[in-house]
Amino acid sequence: MTLLIDGYNLLHASGVFPAESAPPTLENARLALLDFLAESLPAKQIERTTVVFDALSAPPGLPREWTHRGLAVRFARRGGSADELLEELIAAEPDPRNLLVVSSDHRVQRAARQCGASFADSENWHRQLLSEKAARSRAPQTDCKPAPKLDNPFPPGYADDVAREL
């Protein structure tokens, strides 16, 4: 499933903030959110995720599109809003039934619904992501190889001999 995230909307809903060692700037908060997503989403989902931010707060010289740890990051055009860019991306999606839009903005949710895409409120989606991340960390690792079967170092009947001596 393709994931389209309203960045500042999720940042506000999630309460993700930069590490205490980093200055509390909007740029550091944005990077903290992107790091959180990169560490919380399943690996297969990261490359199918785009996070959209308003351009009004974009740092000078930062490109409108870039990649952060596999996540696509987009800034709205100057004078435009993230909502407008999200609406454009929703409308351009070739298979909207395979699109999940994360935003609490009713305008963006309406655009998703009208195109046949799914949508989720940012706060609820964040809670669900945390729950799924916790479940993945508790799940046994299935990619581990079983321990090799070792030959029995004791001769046949050894356990019986020991038991008789006791």
C-alpha atoms as a PDB file:
ATOM      1  CA  MET A   1       0.000   0.000   0.000  1.00  0.00           C
ATOM      2  CA  THR A   2       1.214   3.493  -0.835  1.00  0.00           C
ATOM      3  CA  LEU A   3       1.304   5.847   2.149  1.00  0.00           C
ATOM      4  CA  LEU A   4       0.890   9.613   1.855  1.00  0.00           C
ATOM      5  CA  ILE A   5       1.442  11.577   5.088  1.00  0.00           C
ATOM      6  CA  ASP A   6       0.572  15.176   5.977  1.00  0.00           C
ATOM      7  CA  GLY A   7       3.885  15.881   7.735  1.00  0.00           C
ATOM      8  CA  TYR A   8       3.175  18.835  10.018  1.00  0.00           C
ATOM      9  CA  ASN A   9      -0.255  17.420  10.809  1.00  0.00           C
ATOM     10  CA  LEU A  10       1.314  14.155  11.996  1.00  0.00           C
ATOM     11  CA  LEU A  11       4.105  16.019  13.786  1.00  0.00           C
ATOM     12  CA  HIS A  12       1.527  17.938  15.805  1.00  0.00           C
ATOM     13  CA  ALA A  13      -0.618  14.862  16.516  1.00  0.00           C
ATOM     14  CA  SER A  14       2.287  12.589  17.454  1.00  0.00           C
ATOM     15  CA  GLY A  15       4.196  14.871  19.791  1.00  0.00           C
ATOM     16  CA  VAL A  16       7.474  13.658  18.243  1.00  0.00           C
ATOM     17  CA  PHE A  17      10.173  16.173  19.085  1.00  0.00           C
ATOM     18  CA  PRO A  18      13.926  16.305  18.530  1.00  0.00           C
ATOM     19  CA  ALA A  19      16.326  14.752  21.009  1.00  0.00           C
ATOM     20  CA  GLU A  20      17.130  16.923  24.000  1.00  0.00           C
ATOM     21  CA  SER A  21      20.648  17.419  22.650  1.00  0.00           C
ATOM     22  CA  ALA A  22      19.295  19.110  19.489  1.00  0.00           C
ATOM     23  CA  PRO A  23      18.009  22.685  19.499  1.00  0.00           C
ATOM     24  CA  PRO A  24      14.190  22.829  19.418  1.00  0.00           C
ATOM     25  CA  THR A  25      13.865  24.113  15.856  1.00  0.00           C
ATOM     26  CA  LEU A  26      11.206  23.265  13.308  1.00  0.00           C
ATOM     27  CA  GLU A  27      13.868  21.650  11.110  1.00  0.00           C
ATOM     28  CA  ASN A  28      14.995  19.373  13.974  1.00  0.00           C
ATOM     29  CA  ALA A  29      11.379  18.498  14.785  1.00  0.00           C
ATOM     30  CA  ARG A  30      10.796  17.626  11.119  1.00  0.00           C
ATOM     31  CA  LEU A  31      13.919  15.409  11.100  1.00  0.00           C
ATOM     32  CA  ALA A  32      12.827  13.757  14.364  1.00  0.00           C
ATOM     33  CA  LEU A  33       9.472  12.895  12.758  1.00  0.00           C
ATOM     34  CA  LEU A  34      11.162  11.490   9.650  1.00  0.00           C
ATOM     35  CA  ASP A  35      13.544   9.427  11.819  1.00  0.00           C
ATOM     36  CA  PHE A  36      10.603   8.170  13.863  1.00  0.00           C
ATOM     37  CA  LEU A  37       8.799   7.066  10.690  1.00  0.00           C
ATOM     38  CA  ALA A  38      11.923   5.401   9.263  1.00  0.00           C
ATOM     39  CA  GLU A  39      12.359   3.465  12.525  1.00  0.00           C
ATOM     40  CA  SER A  40       8.672   2.629  12.992  1.00  0.00           C
ATOM     41  CA  LEU A  41       7.368   1.661   9.565  1.00  0.00           C
ATOM     42  CA  PRO A  42       7.977  -1.845   8.256  1.00  0.00           C
ATOM     43  CA  ALA A  43      11.001  -1.844   5.941  1.00  0.00           C
ATOM     44  CA  LYS A  44       8.879  -2.679   2.873  1.00  0.00           C
ATOM     45  CA  GLN A  45       6.598   0.301   3.572  1.00  0.00           C
ATOM     46  CA  ILE A  46       9.327   2.953   3.803  1.00  0.00           C
ATOM     47  CA  GLU A  47      10.001   3.111   0.065  1.00  0.00           C
ATOM     48  CA  ARG A  48       6.257   3.444  -0.597  1.00  0.00           C
ATOM     49  CA  THR A  49       5.831   6.414   1.753  1.00  0.00           C
ATOM     50  CA  THR A  50       5.776  10.118   0.928  1.00  0.00           C
ATOM     51  CA  VAL A  51       5.719  12.798   3.642  1.00  0.00           C
ATOM     52  CA  VAL A  52       4.484  16.243   2.576  1.00  0.00           C
ATOM     53  CA  PHE A  53       5.278  19.511   4.395  1.00  0.00           C
ATOM     54  CA  ASP A  54       4.202  23.101   3.800  1.00  0.00           C
ATOM     55  CA  ALA A  55       6.876  25.141   2.011  1.00  0.00           C
ATOM     56  CA  LEU A  56       6.421  28.157   4.242  1.00  0.00           C
ATOM     57  CA  SER A  57       8.650  26.505   6.819  1.00  0.00           C
ATOM     58  CA  ALA A  58      11.125  24.878   4.441  1.00  0.00           C
ATOM     59  CA  PRO A  59      14.733  25.744   5.199  1.00  0.00           C
ATOM     60  CA  PRO A  60      16.405  27.980   2.600  1.00  0.00           C
ATOM     61  CA  GLY A  61      18.185  26.040  -0.104  1.00  0.00           C
ATOM     62  CA  LEU A  62      16.470  22.731   0.667  1.00  0.00           C
ATOM     63  CA  PRO A  63      15.133  21.042  -2.482  1.00  0.00           C
ATOM     64  CA  ARG A  64      11.389  20.610  -2.884  1.00  0.00           C
ATOM     65  CA  GLU A  65      11.870  16.839  -3.108  1.00  0.00           C
ATOM     66  CA  TRP A  66      14.424  14.686  -1.330  1.00  0.00           C
ATOM     67  CA  THR A  67      14.812  11.338   0.389  1.00  0.00           C
ATOM     68  CA  HIS A  68      15.397  10.740   4.084  1.00  0.00           C
ATOM     69  CA  ARG A  69      16.348   7.174   5.054  1.00  0.00           C
ATOM     70  CA  GLY A  70      14.258   5.831   2.175  1.00  0.00           C
ATOM     71  CA  LEU A  71      11.227   8.076   2.780  1.00  0.00           C
ATOM     72  CA  ALA A  72      10.225  10.451  -0.008  1.00  0.00           C
ATOM     73  CA  VAL A  73       9.915  13.994   1.374  1.00  0.00           C
ATOM     74  CA  ARG A  74       8.151  16.769  -0.506  1.00  0.00           C
ATOM     75  CA  PHE A  75       7.615  20.449   0.237  1.00  0.00           C
ATOM     76  CA  ALA A  76       4.678  22.346  -1.234  1.00  0.00           C
ATOM     77  CA  ARG A  77       5.512  25.069  -3.715  1.00  0.00           C
ATOM     78  CA  ARG A  78       6.054  28.562  -2.361  1.00  0.00           C
ATOM     79  CA  GLY A  79       2.661  30.151  -1.983  1.00  0.00           C
ATOM     80  CA  GLY A  80       1.013  26.733  -1.980  1.00  0.00           C
ATOM     81  CA  SER A  81       0.062  24.497   0.896  1.00  0.00           C
ATOM     82  CA  ALA A  82       0.730  20.906   1.834  1.00  0.00           C
ATOM     83  CA  ASP A  83      -3.013  20.297   1.500  1.00  0.00           C
ATOM     84  CA  GLU A  84      -2.931  21.398  -2.154  1.00  0.00           C
ATOM     85  CA  LEU A  85       0.079  19.177  -2.878  1.00  0.00           C
ATOM     86  CA  LEU A  86      -1.559  16.248  -1.067  1.00  0.00           C
ATOM     87  CA  GLU A  87      -4.695  16.729  -3.185  1.00  0.00           C
ATOM     88  CA  GLU A  88      -2.564  16.733  -6.367  1.00  0.00           C
ATOM     89  CA  LEU A  89      -0.744  13.561  -5.300  1.00  0.00           C
ATOM     90  CA  ILE A  90      -4.017  11.845  -4.405  1.00  0.00           C
ATOM     91  CA  ALA A  91      -5.542  12.759  -7.779  1.00  0.00           C
ATOM     92  CA  ALA A  92      -2.415  11.555  -9.618  1.00  0.00           C
ATOM     93  CA  GLU A  93      -2.339   8.161  -7.861  1.00  0.00           C
ATOM     94  CA  PRO A  94      -2.845   5.476 -10.539  1.00  0.00           C
ATOM     95  CA  ASP A  95      -4.499   3.051  -8.083  1.00  0.00           C
ATOM     96  CA  PRO A  96      -6.158   5.088  -5.317  1.00  0.00           C
ATOM     97  CA  ARG A  97      -7.626   1.930  -3.773  1.00  0.00           C
ATOM     98  CA  ASN A  98      -4.029   1.105  -2.816  1.00  0.00           C
ATOM     99  CA  LEU A  99      -3.427   4.503  -1.178  1.00  0.00           C
ATOM    100  CA  LEU A 100      -3.669   5.432   2.505  1.00  0.00           C
ATOM    101  CA  VAL A 101      -3.641   9.156   3.289  1.00  0.00           C
ATOM    102  CA  VAL A 102      -2.706  10.152   6.848  1.00  0.00           C
ATOM    103  CA  SER A 103      -4.113  13.562   7.777  1.00  0.00           C
ATOM    104  CA  SER A 104      -6.568  15.007  10.258  1.00  0.00           C
ATOM    105  CA  ASP A 105      -7.461  17.740   7.776  1.00  0.00           C
ATOM    106  CA  HIS A 106     -11.043  17.178   6.572  1.00  0.00           C
ATOM    107  CA  ARG A 107     -10.261  18.760   3.199  1.00  0.00           C
ATOM    108  CA  VAL A 108      -7.515  16.177   2.562  1.00  0.00           C
ATOM    109  CA  GLN A 109      -9.691  13.339   3.872  1.00  0.00           C
ATOM    110  CA  ARG A 110     -12.516  14.419   1.531  1.00  0.00           C
ATOM    111  CA  ALA A 111     -10.103  14.442  -1.446  1.00  0.00           C
ATOM    112  CA  ALA A 112      -8.983  10.906  -0.541  1.00  0.00           C
ATOM    113  CA  ARG A 113     -12.558   9.662  -0.185  1.00  0.00           C
ATOM    114  CA  GLN A 114     -13.633  11.218  -3.512  1.00  0.00           C
ATOM    115  CA  CYS A 115     -10.801   9.412  -5.345  1.00  0.00           C
ATOM    116  CA  GLY A 116     -11.486   6.070  -3.658  1.00  0.00           C
ATOM    117  CA  ALA A 117      -8.414   6.166  -1.398  1.00  0.00           C
ATOM    118  CA  SER A 118      -8.398   5.273   2.292  1.00  0.00           C
ATOM    119  CA  PHE A 119      -7.589   7.860   4.921  1.00  0.00           C
ATOM    120  CA  ALA A 120      -6.728   7.883   8.607  1.00  0.00           C
ATOM    121  CA  ASP A 121      -6.746  10.582  11.247  1.00  0.00           C
ATOM    122  CA  SER A 122      -3.130  11.433  12.178  1.00  0.00           C
ATOM    123  CA  GLU A 123      -3.508  10.833  15.912  1.00  0.00           C
ATOM    124  CA  ASN A 124      -5.263   7.480  15.460  1.00  0.00           C
ATOM    125  CA  TRP A 125      -2.773   6.349  12.819  1.00  0.00           C
ATOM    126  CA  HIS A 126       0.160   7.316  15.054  1.00  0.00           C
ATOM    127  CA  ARG A 127      -1.305   5.259  17.913  1.00  0.00           C
ATOM    128  CA  GLN A 128      -1.808   2.291  15.590  1.00  0.00           C
ATOM    129  CA  LEU A 129       1.757   2.609  14.240  1.00  0.00           C
ATOM    130  CA  LEU A 130       3.163   2.534  17.785  1.00  0.00           C
ATOM    131  CA  SER A 131       1.060  -0.533  18.574  1.00  0.00           C
ATOM    132  CA  GLU A 132       2.190  -2.359  15.419  1.00  0.00           C
ATOM    133  CA  LYS A 133       5.830  -1.438  16.062  1.00  0.00           C
ATOM    134  CA  ALA A 134       5.588  -2.853  19.598  1.00  0.00           C
ATOM    135  CA  ALA A 135       3.970  -6.039  18.282  1.00  0.00           C
ATOM    136  CA  ARG A 136       6.755  -6.480  15.700  1.00  0.00           C
ATOM    137  CA  SER A 137       9.415  -6.086  18.375  1.00  0.00           C
ATOM    138  CA  ARG A 138       7.706  -8.736  20.549  1.00  0.00           C
ATOM    139  CA  ALA A 139       7.231 -11.195  17.682  1.00  0.00           C
ATOM    140  CA  PRO A 140       9.765 -14.010  17.439  1.00  0.00           C
ATOM    141  CA  GLN A 141      12.290 -13.599  14.672  1.00  0.00           C
ATOM    142  CA  THR A 142      11.283 -15.948  11.867  1.00  0.00           C
ATOM    143  CA  ASP A 143      14.311 -15.337   9.690  1.00  0.00           C
ATOM    144  CA  CYS A 144      16.628 -17.086  12.140  1.00  0.00           C
ATOM    145  CA  LYS A 145      18.052 -20.423  11.081  1.00  0.00           C
ATOM    146  CA  PRO A 146      17.371 -23.348  13.408  1.00  0.00           C
ATOM    147  CA  ALA A 147      20.299 -24.514  15.501  1.00  0.00           C
ATOM    148  CA  PRO A 148      22.138 -27.382  13.861  1.00  0.00           C
ATOM    149  CA  LYS A 149      21.361 -30.803  15.257  1.00  0.00           C
ATOM    150  CA  LEU A 150      24.356 -32.037  17.198  1.00  0.00           C
ATOM    151  CA  ASP A 151      25.359 -35.655  17.411  1.00  0.00           C
ATOM    152  CA  ASN A 152      24.814 -37.177  20.838  1.00  0.00           C
ATOM    153  CA  PRO A 153      28.292 -37.275  22.434  1.00  0.00           C
ATOM    154  CA  PHE A 154      27.303 -40.103  24.764  1.00  0.00           C
ATOM    155  CA  PRO A 155      27.239 -43.738  23.695  1.00  0.00           C
ATOM    156  CA  PRO A 156      23.889 -45.543  23.453  1.00  0.00           C
ATOM    157  CA  GLY A 157      22.600 -46.650  26.851  1.00  0.00           C
ATOM    158  CA  TYR A 158      24.802 -44.156  28.733  1.00  0.00           C
ATOM    159  CA  ALA A 159      21.827 -42.506  30.481  1.00  0.00           C
ATOM    160  CA  ASP A 160      20.568 -45.919  31.566  1.00  0.00           C
ATOM    161  CA  ASP A 161      24.011 -46.805  33.005  1.00  0.00           C
ATOM    162  CA  VAL A 162      24.142 -43.524  34.943  1.00  0.00           C
ATOM    163  CA  ALA A 163      20.635 -44.062  36.284  1.00  0.00           C
ATOM    164  CA  ARG A 164      21.544 -47.569  37.558  1.00  0.00           C
ATOM    165  CA  GLU A 165      24.578 -46.219  39.383  1.00  0.00           C
ATOM    166  CA  LEU A 166      22.403 -43.734  41.253  1.00  0.00           C
END
